[in-house]
Amino acid sequence: MKALLISMFLISSSAMAFLPKTFTADFEQVRKGIISGKIKKSNGTIEYKYPSNLRLEIKGSESLLLVSNPKKTWYYRPPFMEGEKGELTINESGKTELSGFFDLLKNGLKSGALFRVTKKKRSVILRFTKSGIVRSGIKKATLDFTGRHIFSNLSAIHIVQKTDKLLTLNLSNQHAEVKLSSKRFVFKTPKN
């Protein structure tokens, strides 16, 4: 009887979880230029490992590598031309807005102290409370799905930051519960 109760608890708690403990995905980032107001698109990859481990690489003309773990965050812009110096910013705080957001989704798509959830047929809207905005830096997030509200059907994330800046990540090629070494979330500074 005790084993049956334990297995029922594990099944129900895993059903509550939305985000897997680890995942990788490709994405297209869509954002509005601050000065020009033009829509800018870039492509990249994202790797996440609970809690608060994030590796996000944007490729193209605005290349960027963000590496974060619970203790530290690195933002690296490679040099525009080979032989030039890259730009590295190190933040002693490990939690980024995006990794913190993913950490919150780990508990499921249900209302709580930090956000209220509205579910529609192909989307879930998260409206952050005052304390949620302070903690996450996010006012609102909309998750788009191609079917049921499960991670494998997640097609886009639209985040309205507390500054009203909109960030959209169109996801593809998601892989859940992949093995990700902790070394992936520590940046090794290149010579330049």
Protein backbone atom coordinates (compact mmCIF):
# COMPACT_ATOMS: atom_id res chain seq x y z
CA MET A 1 0.00 0.00 0.00
CA LYS A 2 2.82 2.39 0.91
CA ALA A 3 4.56 1.72 -2.46
CA LEU A 4 1.30 2.43 -4.29
CA LEU A 5 0.90 5.78 -2.50
CA ILE A 6 4.49 6.74 -3.27
CA SER A 7 4.13 5.88 -6.96
CA MET A 8 0.82 7.78 -7.15
CA PHE A 9 2.52 10.83 -5.58
CA LEU A 10 5.40 10.64 -8.06
CA ILE A 11 3.01 10.38 -11.01
CA SER A 12 0.89 13.32 -9.82
CA SER A 13 3.91 15.52 -9.01
CA SER A 14 5.49 14.83 -12.40
CA ALA A 15 2.18 15.69 -14.08
CA MET A 16 2.22 19.05 -12.25
CA ALA A 17 5.70 19.88 -13.54
CA PHE A 18 5.73 21.64 -16.88
CA LEU A 19 9.37 22.23 -17.65
CA PRO A 20 11.79 19.30 -17.71
CA LYS A 21 14.85 19.43 -15.43
CA THR A 22 17.03 19.84 -18.51
CA PHE A 23 16.34 20.80 -22.09
CA THR A 24 17.91 22.12 -25.26
CA ALA A 25 16.21 23.98 -28.10
CA ASP A 26 16.87 26.09 -31.15
CA PHE A 27 15.19 29.47 -31.28
CA GLU A 28 14.54 32.51 -33.40
CA GLN A 29 14.63 35.66 -31.28
CA VAL A 30 12.38 38.50 -32.40
CA ARG A 31 12.71 41.92 -30.81
CA LYS A 32 12.05 45.53 -31.62
CA GLY A 33 15.05 47.82 -32.00
CA ILE A 34 15.16 50.43 -29.23
CA ILE A 35 16.26 53.31 -31.45
CA SER A 36 15.06 52.30 -34.91
CA GLY A 37 11.82 50.56 -33.87
CA LYS A 38 12.52 47.97 -36.57
CA ILE A 39 11.96 44.28 -35.94
CA LYS A 40 15.24 42.40 -35.51
CA LYS A 41 15.56 38.63 -35.77
CA SER A 42 18.41 36.37 -34.76
CA ASN A 43 18.87 32.63 -34.33
CA GLY A 44 20.47 30.62 -31.61
CA THR A 45 20.44 27.73 -29.20
CA ILE A 46 19.46 27.45 -25.59
CA GLU A 47 20.43 24.91 -22.93
CA TYR A 48 18.80 24.86 -19.49
CA LYS A 49 19.41 22.80 -16.38
CA TYR A 50 17.40 23.26 -13.20
CA PRO A 51 18.03 25.30 -11.11
CA SER A 52 19.20 28.52 -12.77
CA ASN A 53 21.73 27.07 -15.22
CA LEU A 54 21.41 28.64 -18.66
CA ARG A 55 23.52 28.72 -21.80
CA LEU A 56 22.17 30.85 -24.61
CA GLU A 57 24.06 31.43 -27.84
CA ILE A 58 22.90 33.92 -30.45
CA LYS A 59 24.54 33.53 -33.85
CA GLY A 60 24.91 36.01 -36.68
CA SER A 61 25.77 39.69 -36.89
CA GLU A 62 24.83 40.28 -33.23
CA SER A 63 26.54 37.20 -31.80
CA LEU A 64 26.30 36.74 -28.05
CA LEU A 65 27.03 33.94 -25.60
CA LEU A 66 25.31 34.08 -22.22
CA VAL A 67 26.44 31.49 -19.69
CA SER A 68 24.88 31.44 -16.24
CA ASN A 69 24.81 29.26 -13.16
CA PRO A 70 23.41 29.94 -9.67
CA LYS A 71 26.57 31.88 -8.68
CA LYS A 72 27.73 33.83 -11.74
CA THR A 73 26.71 35.08 -15.20
CA TRP A 74 28.95 35.79 -18.19
CA TYR A 75 27.95 37.82 -21.27
CA TYR A 76 30.45 37.40 -24.10
CA ARG A 77 30.38 39.16 -27.46
CA PRO A 78 33.00 37.66 -29.76
CA PRO A 79 35.14 40.02 -31.82
CA PHE A 80 33.63 41.36 -35.02
CA MET A 81 36.84 40.57 -36.87
CA GLU A 82 39.34 37.82 -36.13
CA GLY A 83 42.29 39.10 -34.11
CA GLU A 84 40.22 41.80 -32.38
CA LYS A 85 39.27 41.56 -28.72
CA GLY A 86 35.92 40.21 -27.62
CA GLU A 87 33.79 41.87 -24.95
CA LEU A 88 33.17 40.04 -21.66
CA THR A 89 30.91 41.19 -18.83
CA ILE A 90 30.81 39.17 -15.62
CA ASN A 91 27.93 39.52 -13.16
CA GLU A 92 28.39 38.06 -9.68
CA SER A 93 24.66 37.34 -9.54
CA GLY A 94 23.89 33.99 -11.08
CA LYS A 95 20.20 34.33 -11.78
CA THR A 96 19.26 35.80 -15.15
CA GLU A 97 15.74 36.87 -16.06
CA LEU A 98 15.34 33.92 -18.42
CA SER A 99 16.80 31.25 -16.11
CA GLY A 100 14.63 32.57 -13.27
CA PHE A 101 11.60 32.40 -15.55
CA PHE A 102 12.36 28.79 -16.45
CA ASP A 103 12.86 27.98 -12.76
CA LEU A 104 9.34 29.30 -12.05
CA LEU A 105 7.83 27.17 -14.84
CA LYS A 106 9.30 24.05 -13.27
CA ASN A 107 6.44 24.06 -10.75
CA GLY A 108 3.75 23.90 -13.41
CA LEU A 109 1.37 26.19 -15.25
CA LYS A 110 -0.79 27.08 -12.26
CA SER A 111 -1.54 30.33 -10.45
CA GLY A 112 0.45 31.11 -7.34
CA ALA A 113 1.97 33.96 -5.37
CA LEU A 114 4.12 35.16 -8.30
CA PHE A 115 1.76 34.96 -11.29
CA ARG A 116 -1.83 34.29 -12.32
CA VAL A 117 -2.50 31.83 -15.14
CA THR A 118 -5.11 32.07 -17.89
CA LYS A 119 -5.33 29.06 -20.17
CA LYS A 120 -6.65 29.26 -23.72
CA LYS A 121 -6.83 26.56 -26.39
CA ARG A 122 -3.36 27.21 -27.90
CA SER A 123 -1.76 29.48 -25.29
CA VAL A 124 -1.18 30.07 -21.61
CA ILE A 125 -0.87 33.62 -20.28
CA LEU A 126 1.07 34.33 -17.09
CA ARG A 127 0.36 37.74 -15.51
CA PHE A 128 2.92 38.45 -12.80
CA THR A 129 1.93 39.90 -9.43
CA LYS A 130 3.85 42.85 -7.93
CA SER A 131 6.12 40.47 -6.00
CA GLY A 132 6.47 38.33 -9.14
CA ILE A 133 7.59 41.35 -11.17
CA VAL A 134 10.17 42.26 -8.51
CA ARG A 135 11.49 38.71 -8.37
CA SER A 136 11.52 37.93 -12.11
CA GLY A 137 11.71 41.28 -13.91
CA ILE A 138 8.75 40.13 -16.02
CA LYS A 139 5.25 41.63 -16.24
CA LYS A 140 3.61 39.09 -18.51
CA ALA A 141 4.50 35.97 -20.47
CA THR A 142 2.51 34.15 -23.12
CA LEU A 143 3.36 30.58 -24.04
CA ASP A 144 2.12 29.37 -27.43
CA PHE A 145 1.50 25.68 -28.08
CA THR A 146 0.89 23.53 -31.15
CA GLY A 147 -1.38 21.19 -29.17
CA ARG A 148 -1.85 20.25 -25.51
CA HIS A 149 -0.12 22.46 -22.94
CA ILE A 150 2.98 20.29 -22.58
CA PHE A 151 6.63 21.21 -23.05
CA SER A 152 7.08 19.23 -26.28
CA ASN A 153 4.28 21.32 -27.87
CA LEU A 154 5.73 24.69 -26.78
CA SER A 155 6.30 26.72 -29.94
CA ALA A 156 6.92 30.28 -28.70
CA ILE A 157 7.52 32.32 -25.58
CA HIS A 158 6.56 36.01 -25.54
CA ILE A 159 7.92 37.90 -22.53
CA VAL A 160 6.97 41.46 -21.59
CA GLN A 161 9.72 42.70 -19.28
CA LYS A 162 9.08 45.17 -16.46
CA THR A 163 10.52 47.86 -18.77
CA ASP A 164 7.73 46.98 -21.29
CA LYS A 165 10.33 45.59 -23.70
CA LEU A 166 8.99 42.56 -25.61
CA LEU A 167 11.11 39.48 -26.23
CA THR A 168 9.85 36.63 -28.39
CA LEU A 169 11.55 33.25 -28.69
CA ASN A 170 10.15 30.98 -31.42
CA LEU A 171 11.27 27.50 -30.40
CA SER A 172 12.10 24.46 -32.49
CA ASN A 173 14.02 21.22 -32.15
CA GLN A 174 13.38 20.86 -28.39
CA HIS A 175 14.93 17.95 -26.52
CA ALA A 176 13.88 17.27 -22.92
CA GLU A 177 15.78 15.50 -20.15
CA VAL A 178 19.10 15.61 -21.98
CA LYS A 179 22.40 15.11 -20.17
CA LEU A 180 24.04 18.49 -19.60
CA SER A 181 27.31 18.69 -17.73
CA SER A 182 27.68 21.43 -15.11
CA LYS A 183 30.78 22.49 -17.08
CA ARG A 184 28.45 23.77 -19.85
CA PHE A 185 27.38 26.51 -17.42
CA VAL A 186 30.84 27.85 -16.59
CA PHE A 187 32.42 30.22 -19.11
CA LYS A 188 36.06 29.77 -20.07
CA THR A 189 37.52 33.14 -21.01
CA PRO A 190 39.24 33.05 -24.41
CA LYS A 191 42.72 34.54 -24.85
CA ASN A 192 41.41 37.61 -26.65
